[in-house]
Amino acid sequence: MATIFTAVGFMTALGVLLALVLVIANKRLYVFEDPRIDQVEGLLPMANCGACGTAGCRPFAEMLVKGETEPSRCTANSKSMNQIIADFLGVGLGASEQRVARLACAGGGNVAYVRANYSGLKSCRAAALVSGGGRGCAWGCLGFGDCEVVCEFDAIYMNAQGIPVVVEDKCTACGDCVTVCPKDLFSLHPVSHRLWVACLNLEFGDLAEHHCEVACTACGRCEQDSPEGLITIQNNLAVVDYTNNSLASKVAIERCPTGAIVWLEENGAVLKGRDARKVVRKRALPVG
């Protein structure tokens, strides 16, 4: 009997000791969390899209409360809601420029040739594994709309020619389309980048046009017409140096023979130059 009492007494003492250790540890190791974090998080869209540059809305809320970022960095939130956050924290809204996803391809079914019929899962990623889905251009959009499916903000839709169209007003620059595209055709840009090369084809001249009528042929006219350093031809493709974006103008697109380099208007219109071949065909090109 004495042994039982001894064991019970020992376990009781041990329990009390461990409880004291936990109490002391809790007080010593306690990290204060600003209650405003929960309140700010509640004002965020909870999309966890990463467009703000953090892993999600919670880390972004923590940075806001610490004053390490600005409310305007959340492009998934409305401007009015971001202003509420700014007023709540007593800070400025910030002047972060909106970024949007841009597609480096205009090769819809009416201008880009399909060299073989693809029969399989209607997915760009699946088609890319099977000889590129039958497309003649190895760099071109496959048109199955993986980007449209993955976009949680309805900012992408497929047009009649099977090319994704980005709605700038809805785009939050979350980057999901960038990740999902097997051809790496999407990239994120500030809306001020209005001069755009809608092509990634690295073939030269007639060979590029053999696969797509609106491909960049590396003719160099845009480079010649633009301010020095704005556009260069690299690997048979026109490349815009956006560090010189202030020099960008519509003059660069005027003599492009295929219309591969365009000017993107704020209202969503896509402008081609005066010498660009007029595309009037609406139906898809035949296979072959």
C-alpha atoms as a PDB file:
ATOM      1  CA  MET A   1       0.000   0.000   0.000  1.00  0.00           C
ATOM      2  CA  ALA A   2       2.842   2.392   0.847  1.00  0.00           C
ATOM      3  CA  THR A   3       4.299   1.731  -2.598  1.00  0.00           C
ATOM      4  CA  ILE A   4       1.027   2.805  -4.267  1.00  0.00           C
ATOM      5  CA  PHE A   5       0.861   6.027  -2.235  1.00  0.00           C
ATOM      6  CA  THR A   6       4.476   6.740  -3.066  1.00  0.00           C
ATOM      7  CA  ALA A   7       3.827   6.265  -6.795  1.00  0.00           C
ATOM      8  CA  VAL A   8       0.696   8.442  -6.672  1.00  0.00           C
ATOM      9  CA  GLY A   9       2.561  11.116  -4.761  1.00  0.00           C
ATOM     10  CA  PHE A  10       5.454  11.036  -7.209  1.00  0.00           C
ATOM     11  CA  MET A  11       3.155  11.336 -10.238  1.00  0.00           C
ATOM     12  CA  THR A  12       1.256  14.193  -8.601  1.00  0.00           C
ATOM     13  CA  ALA A  13       4.455  16.048  -7.825  1.00  0.00           C
ATOM     14  CA  LEU A  14       5.711  15.437 -11.346  1.00  0.00           C
ATOM     15  CA  GLY A  15       2.448  16.749 -12.805  1.00  0.00           C
ATOM     16  CA  VAL A  16       2.600  19.893 -10.688  1.00  0.00           C
ATOM     17  CA  LEU A  17       6.247  20.416 -11.658  1.00  0.00           C
ATOM     18  CA  LEU A  18       5.509  20.020 -15.377  1.00  0.00           C
ATOM     19  CA  ALA A  19       2.546  22.386 -15.085  1.00  0.00           C
ATOM     20  CA  LEU A  20       4.777  24.999 -13.468  1.00  0.00           C
ATOM     21  CA  VAL A  21       7.359  24.550 -16.209  1.00  0.00           C
ATOM     22  CA  LEU A  22       4.658  25.070 -18.878  1.00  0.00           C
ATOM     23  CA  VAL A  23       3.329  28.181 -17.139  1.00  0.00           C
ATOM     24  CA  ILE A  24       6.807  29.679 -16.890  1.00  0.00           C
ATOM     25  CA  ALA A  25       7.603  28.742 -20.503  1.00  0.00           C
ATOM     26  CA  ASN A  26       4.341  30.249 -21.705  1.00  0.00           C
ATOM     27  CA  LYS A  27       5.161  33.544 -20.011  1.00  0.00           C
ATOM     28  CA  ARG A  28       8.790  33.572 -21.093  1.00  0.00           C
ATOM     29  CA  LEU A  29       8.185  32.475 -24.685  1.00  0.00           C
ATOM     30  CA  TYR A  30       4.946  34.373 -25.307  1.00  0.00           C
ATOM     31  CA  VAL A  31       5.030  36.407 -28.512  1.00  0.00           C
ATOM     32  CA  PHE A  32       2.634  39.317 -28.684  1.00  0.00           C
ATOM     33  CA  GLU A  33       0.479  39.394 -31.818  1.00  0.00           C
ATOM     34  CA  ASP A  34      -1.110  42.679 -32.725  1.00  0.00           C
ATOM     35  CA  PRO A  35      -4.904  42.206 -32.661  1.00  0.00           C
ATOM     36  CA  ARG A  36      -5.156  44.461 -35.701  1.00  0.00           C
ATOM     37  CA  ILE A  37      -3.749  41.639 -37.844  1.00  0.00           C
ATOM     38  CA  ASP A  38      -6.995  39.663 -37.522  1.00  0.00           C
ATOM     39  CA  GLN A  39      -9.031  42.764 -38.318  1.00  0.00           C
ATOM     40  CA  VAL A  40      -6.978  43.626 -41.398  1.00  0.00           C
ATOM     41  CA  GLU A  41      -7.039  40.022 -42.579  1.00  0.00           C
ATOM     42  CA  GLY A  42     -10.843  40.157 -42.397  1.00  0.00           C
ATOM     43  CA  LEU A  43     -10.802  43.107 -44.805  1.00  0.00           C
ATOM     44  CA  LEU A  44      -8.722  41.245 -47.375  1.00  0.00           C
ATOM     45  CA  PRO A  45     -10.322  39.046 -50.088  1.00  0.00           C
ATOM     46  CA  MET A  46      -8.816  35.814 -48.682  1.00  0.00           C
ATOM     47  CA  ALA A  47      -7.879  34.775 -52.214  1.00  0.00           C
ATOM     48  CA  ASN A  48      -4.334  33.821 -51.122  1.00  0.00           C
ATOM     49  CA  CYS A  49      -3.313  34.452 -54.731  1.00  0.00           C
ATOM     50  CA  GLY A  50       0.171  35.775 -53.982  1.00  0.00           C
ATOM     51  CA  ALA A  51      -0.205  38.806 -56.251  1.00  0.00           C
ATOM     52  CA  CYS A  52       0.942  41.058 -53.396  1.00  0.00           C
ATOM     53  CA  GLY A  53       4.255  39.226 -53.223  1.00  0.00           C
ATOM     54  CA  THR A  54       3.528  37.224 -50.059  1.00  0.00           C
ATOM     55  CA  ALA A  55       2.420  33.649 -49.502  1.00  0.00           C
ATOM     56  CA  GLY A  56      -1.141  34.647 -48.680  1.00  0.00           C
ATOM     57  CA  CYS A  57      -3.487  37.142 -47.086  1.00  0.00           C
ATOM     58  CA  ARG A  58      -2.357  36.457 -43.488  1.00  0.00           C
ATOM     59  CA  PRO A  59       1.327  37.272 -44.105  1.00  0.00           C
ATOM     60  CA  PHE A  60       0.245  40.319 -46.102  1.00  0.00           C
ATOM     61  CA  ALA A  61      -1.915  41.504 -43.186  1.00  0.00           C
ATOM     62  CA  GLU A  62       1.064  41.100 -40.844  1.00  0.00           C
ATOM     63  CA  MET A  63       3.252  43.189 -43.147  1.00  0.00           C
ATOM     64  CA  LEU A  64       0.571  45.882 -43.391  1.00  0.00           C
ATOM     65  CA  VAL A  65       0.306  46.186 -39.636  1.00  0.00           C
ATOM     66  CA  LYS A  66       4.109  46.392 -39.352  1.00  0.00           C
ATOM     67  CA  GLY A  67       4.162  49.118 -42.007  1.00  0.00           C
ATOM     68  CA  GLU A  68       6.308  47.036 -44.340  1.00  0.00           C
ATOM     69  CA  THR A  69       4.000  47.302 -47.354  1.00  0.00           C
ATOM     70  CA  GLU A  70       1.077  49.326 -48.704  1.00  0.00           C
ATOM     71  CA  PRO A  71      -2.622  48.372 -49.001  1.00  0.00           C
ATOM     72  CA  SER A  72      -2.590  49.046 -52.748  1.00  0.00           C
ATOM     73  CA  ARG A  73      -0.275  46.057 -53.205  1.00  0.00           C
ATOM     74  CA  CYS A  74      -3.347  43.849 -52.890  1.00  0.00           C
ATOM     75  CA  THR A  75      -4.621  43.890 -56.465  1.00  0.00           C
ATOM     76  CA  ALA A  76      -7.315  41.303 -55.764  1.00  0.00           C
ATOM     77  CA  ASN A  77      -9.070  43.708 -53.396  1.00  0.00           C
ATOM     78  CA  SER A  78     -11.195  46.632 -54.542  1.00  0.00           C
ATOM     79  CA  LYS A  79      -9.684  50.099 -54.272  1.00  0.00           C
ATOM     80  CA  SER A  80     -12.421  51.129 -51.848  1.00  0.00           C
ATOM     81  CA  MET A  81     -11.671  48.198 -49.538  1.00  0.00           C
ATOM     82  CA  ASN A  82      -7.957  48.922 -49.667  1.00  0.00           C
ATOM     83  CA  GLN A  83      -8.765  52.502 -48.704  1.00  0.00           C
ATOM     84  CA  ILE A  84     -10.713  51.220 -45.678  1.00  0.00           C
ATOM     85  CA  ILE A  85      -7.609  49.257 -44.627  1.00  0.00           C
ATOM     86  CA  ALA A  86      -5.440  52.336 -45.109  1.00  0.00           C
ATOM     87  CA  ASP A  87      -7.809  54.465 -43.010  1.00  0.00           C
ATOM     88  CA  PHE A  88      -7.968  51.808 -40.302  1.00  0.00           C
ATOM     89  CA  LEU A  89      -4.175  51.651 -40.038  1.00  0.00           C
ATOM     90  CA  GLY A  90      -3.737  55.385 -40.493  1.00  0.00           C
ATOM     91  CA  VAL A  91      -1.460  55.002 -43.506  1.00  0.00           C
ATOM     92  CA  GLY A  92      -1.523  56.018 -47.145  1.00  0.00           C
ATOM     93  CA  LEU A  93      -3.147  53.816 -49.764  1.00  0.00           C
ATOM     94  CA  GLY A  94       0.046  53.651 -51.799  1.00  0.00           C
ATOM     95  CA  ALA A  95       0.563  54.060 -55.500  1.00  0.00           C
ATOM     96  CA  SER A  96       1.460  50.592 -56.704  1.00  0.00           C
ATOM     97  CA  GLU A  97       0.916  50.250 -60.430  1.00  0.00           C
ATOM     98  CA  GLN A  98      -1.488  47.518 -61.483  1.00  0.00           C
ATOM     99  CA  ARG A  99       0.118  44.507 -63.072  1.00  0.00           C
ATOM    100  CA  VAL A 100      -1.621  42.184 -65.500  1.00  0.00           C
ATOM    101  CA  ALA A 101      -0.923  38.956 -67.336  1.00  0.00           C
ATOM    102  CA  ARG A 102       0.132  39.323 -70.961  1.00  0.00           C
ATOM    103  CA  LEU A 103       0.098  36.590 -73.613  1.00  0.00           C
ATOM    104  CA  ALA A 104       2.972  36.404 -76.101  1.00  0.00           C
ATOM    105  CA  CYS A 105       0.948  34.796 -78.886  1.00  0.00           C
ATOM    106  CA  ALA A 106      -1.758  35.803 -81.357  1.00  0.00           C
ATOM    107  CA  GLY A 107      -1.754  32.587 -83.357  1.00  0.00           C
ATOM    108  CA  GLY A 108      -5.395  31.587 -83.310  1.00  0.00           C
ATOM    109  CA  GLY A 109      -6.836  28.865 -85.490  1.00  0.00           C
ATOM    110  CA  ASN A 110      -7.500  31.314 -88.321  1.00  0.00           C
ATOM    111  CA  VAL A 111      -3.826  32.266 -88.755  1.00  0.00           C
ATOM    112  CA  ALA A 112      -1.749  29.454 -87.214  1.00  0.00           C
ATOM    113  CA  TYR A 113      -1.444  26.126 -88.996  1.00  0.00           C
ATOM    114  CA  VAL A 114      -2.167  22.769 -87.402  1.00  0.00           C
ATOM    115  CA  ARG A 115      -0.003  20.061 -88.932  1.00  0.00           C
ATOM    116  CA  ALA A 116      -1.646  17.037 -87.290  1.00  0.00           C
ATOM    117  CA  ASN A 117      -4.909  16.176 -85.568  1.00  0.00           C
ATOM    118  CA  TYR A 118      -4.592  15.838 -81.818  1.00  0.00           C
ATOM    119  CA  SER A 119      -6.958  13.384 -80.132  1.00  0.00           C
ATOM    120  CA  GLY A 120      -6.737  13.249 -76.380  1.00  0.00           C
ATOM    121  CA  LEU A 121      -7.418  15.072 -73.153  1.00  0.00           C
ATOM    122  CA  LYS A 122      -8.508  18.642 -73.905  1.00  0.00           C
ATOM    123  CA  SER A 123      -5.730  20.229 -71.925  1.00  0.00           C
ATOM    124  CA  CYS A 124      -2.742  22.280 -73.038  1.00  0.00           C
ATOM    125  CA  ARG A 125      -0.453  20.399 -70.685  1.00  0.00           C
ATOM    126  CA  ALA A 126      -1.605  17.043 -72.043  1.00  0.00           C
ATOM    127  CA  ALA A 127      -1.365  18.166 -75.672  1.00  0.00           C
ATOM    128  CA  ALA A 128       2.119  19.591 -75.131  1.00  0.00           C
ATOM    129  CA  LEU A 129       3.309  16.088 -74.272  1.00  0.00           C
ATOM    130  CA  VAL A 130       2.040  14.718 -77.602  1.00  0.00           C
ATOM    131  CA  SER A 131       4.084  16.433 -80.295  1.00  0.00           C
ATOM    132  CA  GLY A 132       2.908  19.849 -79.176  1.00  0.00           C
ATOM    133  CA  GLY A 133      -0.756  19.122 -79.853  1.00  0.00           C
ATOM    134  CA  GLY A 134      -0.230  19.106 -83.601  1.00  0.00           C
ATOM    135  CA  ARG A 135       0.591  22.823 -83.887  1.00  0.00           C
ATOM    136  CA  GLY A 136       3.056  23.830 -86.563  1.00  0.00           C
ATOM    137  CA  CYS A 137       4.545  26.534 -84.349  1.00  0.00           C
ATOM    138  CA  ALA A 138       6.389  24.871 -81.497  1.00  0.00           C
ATOM    139  CA  TRP A 139       6.058  28.043 -79.402  1.00  0.00           C
ATOM    140  CA  GLY A 140       2.393  28.815 -80.073  1.00  0.00           C
ATOM    141  CA  CYS A 141      -0.699  28.673 -77.882  1.00  0.00           C
ATOM    142  CA  LEU A 142      -2.428  25.287 -77.940  1.00  0.00           C
ATOM    143  CA  GLY A 143      -5.828  26.814 -77.299  1.00  0.00           C
ATOM    144  CA  PHE A 144      -7.364  24.346 -74.841  1.00  0.00           C
ATOM    145  CA  GLY A 145      -7.827  26.995 -72.155  1.00  0.00           C
ATOM    146  CA  ASP A 146      -5.949  25.672 -69.136  1.00  0.00           C
ATOM    147  CA  CYS A 147      -5.333  29.322 -68.256  1.00  0.00           C
ATOM    148  CA  GLU A 148      -9.039  30.120 -68.400  1.00  0.00           C
ATOM    149  CA  VAL A 149      -9.859  27.190 -66.121  1.00  0.00           C
ATOM    150  CA  VAL A 150      -7.219  28.027 -63.517  1.00  0.00           C
ATOM    151  CA  CYS A 151      -8.079  31.747 -63.295  1.00  0.00           C
ATOM    152  CA  GLU A 152     -10.195  32.261 -60.170  1.00  0.00           C
ATOM    153  CA  PHE A 153     -11.061  35.846 -61.071  1.00  0.00           C
ATOM    154  CA  ASP A 154     -12.696  35.218 -64.472  1.00  0.00           C
ATOM    155  CA  ALA A 155     -10.029  37.456 -65.976  1.00  0.00           C
ATOM    156  CA  ILE A 156      -9.320  35.161 -68.951  1.00  0.00           C
ATOM    157  CA  TYR A 157     -11.653  33.930 -71.668  1.00  0.00           C
ATOM    158  CA  MET A 158     -11.023  32.097 -74.939  1.00  0.00           C
ATOM    159  CA  ASN A 159     -11.969  33.999 -78.071  1.00  0.00           C
ATOM    160  CA  ALA A 160     -13.519  32.524 -81.201  1.00  0.00           C
ATOM    161  CA  GLN A 161     -10.092  31.632 -82.619  1.00  0.00           C
ATOM    162  CA  GLY A 162      -9.016  29.767 -79.474  1.00  0.00           C
ATOM    163  CA  ILE A 163      -6.685  32.422 -78.069  1.00  0.00           C
ATOM    164  CA  PRO A 164      -6.855  33.514 -74.397  1.00  0.00           C
ATOM    165  CA  VAL A 165      -7.892  37.119 -73.836  1.00  0.00           C
ATOM    166  CA  VAL A 166      -6.964  38.821 -70.555  1.00  0.00           C
ATOM    167  CA  VAL A 167      -9.484  41.266 -69.076  1.00  0.00           C
ATOM    168  CA  GLU A 168      -7.190  43.821 -67.456  1.00  0.00           C
ATOM    169  CA  ASP A 169      -9.836  45.207 -65.090  1.00  0.00           C
ATOM    170  CA  LYS A 170     -10.281  41.753 -63.541  1.00  0.00           C
ATOM    171  CA  CYS A 171      -6.692  40.533 -63.608  1.00  0.00           C
ATOM    172  CA  THR A 172      -4.934  40.513 -60.228  1.00  0.00           C
ATOM    173  CA  ALA A 173      -1.537  39.320 -61.495  1.00  0.00           C
ATOM    174  CA  CYS A 174      -1.782  36.236 -59.284  1.00  0.00           C
ATOM    175  CA  GLY A 175       0.417  34.314 -61.726  1.00  0.00           C
ATOM    176  CA  ASP A 176      -1.671  31.141 -61.968  1.00  0.00           C
ATOM    177  CA  CYS A 177      -1.834  31.423 -65.764  1.00  0.00           C
ATOM    178  CA  VAL A 178       1.935  31.897 -65.870  1.00  0.00           C
ATOM    179  CA  THR A 179       2.401  28.667 -63.948  1.00  0.00           C
ATOM    180  CA  VAL A 180      -0.099  26.539 -65.828  1.00  0.00           C
ATOM    181  CA  CYS A 181       0.891  27.433 -69.423  1.00  0.00           C
ATOM    182  CA  PRO A 182       3.182  24.671 -70.767  1.00  0.00           C
ATOM    183  CA  LYS A 183       4.517  27.026 -73.450  1.00  0.00           C
ATOM    184  CA  ASP A 184       5.478  29.813 -70.991  1.00  0.00           C
ATOM    185  CA  LEU A 185       3.469  32.309 -73.022  1.00  0.00           C
ATOM    186  CA  PHE A 186       2.198  34.369 -70.084  1.00  0.00           C
ATOM    187  CA  SER A 187       4.172  36.914 -68.104  1.00  0.00           C
ATOM    188  CA  LEU A 188       3.196  39.635 -65.632  1.00  0.00           C
ATOM    189  CA  HIS A 189       3.645  43.275 -66.618  1.00  0.00           C
ATOM    190  CA  PRO A 190       2.660  46.737 -65.390  1.00  0.00           C
ATOM    191  CA  VAL A 191      -0.288  48.081 -67.382  1.00  0.00           C
ATOM    192  CA  SER A 192       1.954  50.875 -68.642  1.00  0.00           C
ATOM    193  CA  HIS A 193       3.767  48.344 -70.847  1.00  0.00           C
ATOM    194  CA  ARG A 194       1.608  49.045 -73.903  1.00  0.00           C
ATOM    195  CA  LEU A 195       4.126  48.072 -76.583  1.00  0.00           C
ATOM    196  CA  TRP A 196       3.919  44.311 -76.872  1.00  0.00           C
ATOM    197  CA  VAL A 197       5.403  41.522 -78.974  1.00  0.00           C
ATOM    198  CA  ALA A 198       2.607  38.964 -79.347  1.00  0.00           C
ATOM    199  CA  CYS A 199       4.899  36.135 -80.389  1.00  0.00           C
ATOM    200  CA  LEU A 200       7.603  33.805 -79.063  1.00  0.00           C
ATOM    201  CA  ASN A 201       8.515  32.073 -82.336  1.00  0.00           C
ATOM    202  CA  LEU A 202      12.293  31.860 -82.711  1.00  0.00           C
ATOM    203  CA  GLU A 203      12.342  30.875 -86.390  1.00  0.00           C
ATOM    204  CA  PHE A 204      13.411  33.349 -89.049  1.00  0.00           C
ATOM    205  CA  GLY A 205      11.561  34.932 -91.934  1.00  0.00           C
ATOM    206  CA  ASP A 206       9.488  32.721 -94.234  1.00  0.00           C
ATOM    207  CA  LEU A 207       9.955  29.706 -91.981  1.00  0.00           C
ATOM    208  CA  ALA A 208       8.194  31.505 -89.135  1.00  0.00           C
ATOM    209  CA  GLU A 209       5.344  32.606 -91.417  1.00  0.00           C
ATOM    210  CA  HIS A 210       5.075  29.073 -92.789  1.00  0.00           C
ATOM    211  CA  HIS A 211       3.617  28.037 -89.442  1.00  0.00           C
ATOM    212  CA  CYS A 212       1.817  31.235 -88.435  1.00  0.00           C
ATOM    213  CA  GLU A 213       0.770  34.243 -90.479  1.00  0.00           C
ATOM    214  CA  VAL A 214       1.178  36.648 -87.555  1.00  0.00           C
ATOM    215  CA  ALA A 215       4.562  35.424 -86.336  1.00  0.00           C
ATOM    216  CA  CYS A 216       7.529  37.721 -85.770  1.00  0.00           C
ATOM    217  CA  THR A 217       9.883  37.228 -88.736  1.00  0.00           C
ATOM    218  CA  ALA A 218      12.827  39.129 -87.216  1.00  0.00           C
ATOM    219  CA  CYS A 219      12.768  41.590 -90.126  1.00  0.00           C
ATOM    220  CA  GLY A 220      14.110  44.300 -87.810  1.00  0.00           C
ATOM    221  CA  ARG A 221      11.856  47.144 -88.964  1.00  0.00           C
ATOM    222  CA  CYS A 222      10.569  47.794 -85.452  1.00  0.00           C
ATOM    223  CA  GLU A 223      14.150  47.993 -84.202  1.00  0.00           C
ATOM    224  CA  GLN A 224      15.054  50.463 -86.952  1.00  0.00           C
ATOM    225  CA  ASP A 225      12.043  52.728 -86.343  1.00  0.00           C
ATOM    226  CA  SER A 226      12.188  52.827 -82.534  1.00  0.00           C
ATOM    227  CA  PRO A 227      14.396  54.986 -80.316  1.00  0.00           C
ATOM    228  CA  GLU A 228      17.803  53.391 -79.904  1.00  0.00           C
ATOM    229  CA  GLY A 229      17.816  50.576 -77.369  1.00  0.00           C
ATOM    230  CA  LEU A 230      14.034  50.221 -77.046  1.00  0.00           C
ATOM    231  CA  ILE A 231      13.777  47.139 -79.273  1.00  0.00           C
ATOM    232  CA  THR A 232      16.433  44.621 -80.243  1.00  0.00           C
ATOM    233  CA  ILE A 233      16.292  41.417 -82.282  1.00  0.00           C
ATOM    234  CA  GLN A 234      17.391  38.492 -80.136  1.00  0.00           C
ATOM    235  CA  ASN A 235      17.274  34.892 -81.358  1.00  0.00           C
ATOM    236  CA  ASN A 236      15.103  35.939 -84.326  1.00  0.00           C
ATOM    237  CA  LEU A 237      12.563  37.667 -82.084  1.00  0.00           C
ATOM    238  CA  ALA A 238      11.845  41.327 -81.355  1.00  0.00           C
ATOM    239  CA  VAL A 239      12.430  42.073 -77.660  1.00  0.00           C
ATOM    240  CA  VAL A 240      11.270  45.260 -75.913  1.00  0.00           C
ATOM    241  CA  ASP A 241      13.520  46.740 -73.230  1.00  0.00           C
ATOM    242  CA  TYR A 242      10.965  48.005 -70.712  1.00  0.00           C
ATOM    243  CA  THR A 243      13.598  49.878 -68.745  1.00  0.00           C
ATOM    244  CA  ASN A 244      13.228  52.332 -71.651  1.00  0.00           C
ATOM    245  CA  ASN A 245       9.447  52.165 -71.507  1.00  0.00           C
ATOM    246  CA  SER A 246       9.150  55.961 -71.472  1.00  0.00           C
ATOM    247  CA  LEU A 247      10.435  55.921 -75.070  1.00  0.00           C
ATOM    248  CA  ALA A 248       7.770  53.494 -76.281  1.00  0.00           C
ATOM    249  CA  SER A 249       5.402  54.765 -78.951  1.00  0.00           C
ATOM    250  CA  LYS A 250       3.158  53.445 -81.691  1.00  0.00           C
ATOM    251  CA  VAL A 251       5.807  54.213 -84.297  1.00  0.00           C
ATOM    252  CA  ALA A 252       7.401  50.861 -83.474  1.00  0.00           C
ATOM    253  CA  ILE A 253       4.412  48.900 -84.776  1.00  0.00           C
ATOM    254  CA  GLU A 254       3.756  50.794 -88.024  1.00  0.00           C
ATOM    255  CA  ARG A 255       5.982  48.815 -90.411  1.00  0.00           C
ATOM    256  CA  CYS A 256       5.632  45.356 -88.850  1.00  0.00           C
ATOM    257  CA  PRO A 257       4.539  43.242 -91.849  1.00  0.00           C
ATOM    258  CA  THR A 258       2.772  40.546 -89.852  1.00  0.00           C
ATOM    259  CA  GLY A 259       1.389  42.619 -86.981  1.00  0.00           C
ATOM    260  CA  ALA A 260       3.354  40.576 -84.448  1.00  0.00           C
ATOM    261  CA  ILE A 261       4.246  43.712 -82.501  1.00  0.00           C
ATOM    262  CA  VAL A 262       1.195  45.629 -81.304  1.00  0.00           C
ATOM    263  CA  TRP A 263       0.068  48.517 -79.148  1.00  0.00           C
ATOM    264  CA  LEU A 264      -2.349  47.683 -76.320  1.00  0.00           C
ATOM    265  CA  GLU A 265      -4.859  50.437 -75.590  1.00  0.00           C
ATOM    266  CA  GLU A 266      -6.280  51.046 -72.114  1.00  0.00           C
ATOM    267  CA  ASN A 267      -9.767  50.094 -73.334  1.00  0.00           C
ATOM    268  CA  GLY A 268      -8.535  46.651 -74.355  1.00  0.00           C
ATOM    269  CA  ALA A 269      -8.180  47.365 -78.082  1.00  0.00           C
ATOM    270  CA  VAL A 270      -5.186  45.798 -79.843  1.00  0.00           C
ATOM    271  CA  LEU A 271      -3.701  48.102 -82.485  1.00  0.00           C
ATOM    272  CA  LYS A 272      -1.571  46.924 -85.400  1.00  0.00           C
ATOM    273  CA  GLY A 273       0.541  49.068 -87.688  1.00  0.00           C
ATOM    274  CA  ARG A 274      -0.403  50.413 -91.108  1.00  0.00           C
ATOM    275  CA  ASP A 275       1.727  47.830 -92.955  1.00  0.00           C
ATOM    276  CA  ALA A 276       0.418  44.824 -91.058  1.00  0.00           C
ATOM    277  CA  ARG A 277      -1.277  42.185 -93.149  1.00  0.00           C
ATOM    278  CA  LYS A 278      -5.031  42.425 -92.698  1.00  0.00           C
ATOM    279  CA  VAL A 279      -6.490  39.229 -91.274  1.00  0.00           C
ATOM    280  CA  VAL A 280     -10.063  38.746 -92.469  1.00  0.00           C
ATOM    281  CA  ARG A 281     -10.320  34.978 -92.227  1.00  0.00           C
ATOM    282  CA  LYS A 282     -12.604  33.845 -89.404  1.00  0.00           C
ATOM    283  CA  ARG A 283     -12.618  30.105 -89.936  1.00  0.00           C
ATOM    284  CA  ALA A 284      -9.851  27.808 -88.773  1.00  0.00           C
ATOM    285  CA  LEU A 285      -7.156  26.903 -91.257  1.00  0.00           C
ATOM    286  CA  PRO A 286      -7.271  23.342 -92.608  1.00  0.00           C
ATOM    287  CA  VAL A 287      -5.035  20.709 -91.063  1.00  0.00           C
ATOM    288  CA  GLY A 288      -1.933  20.057 -93.099  1.00  0.00           C
END
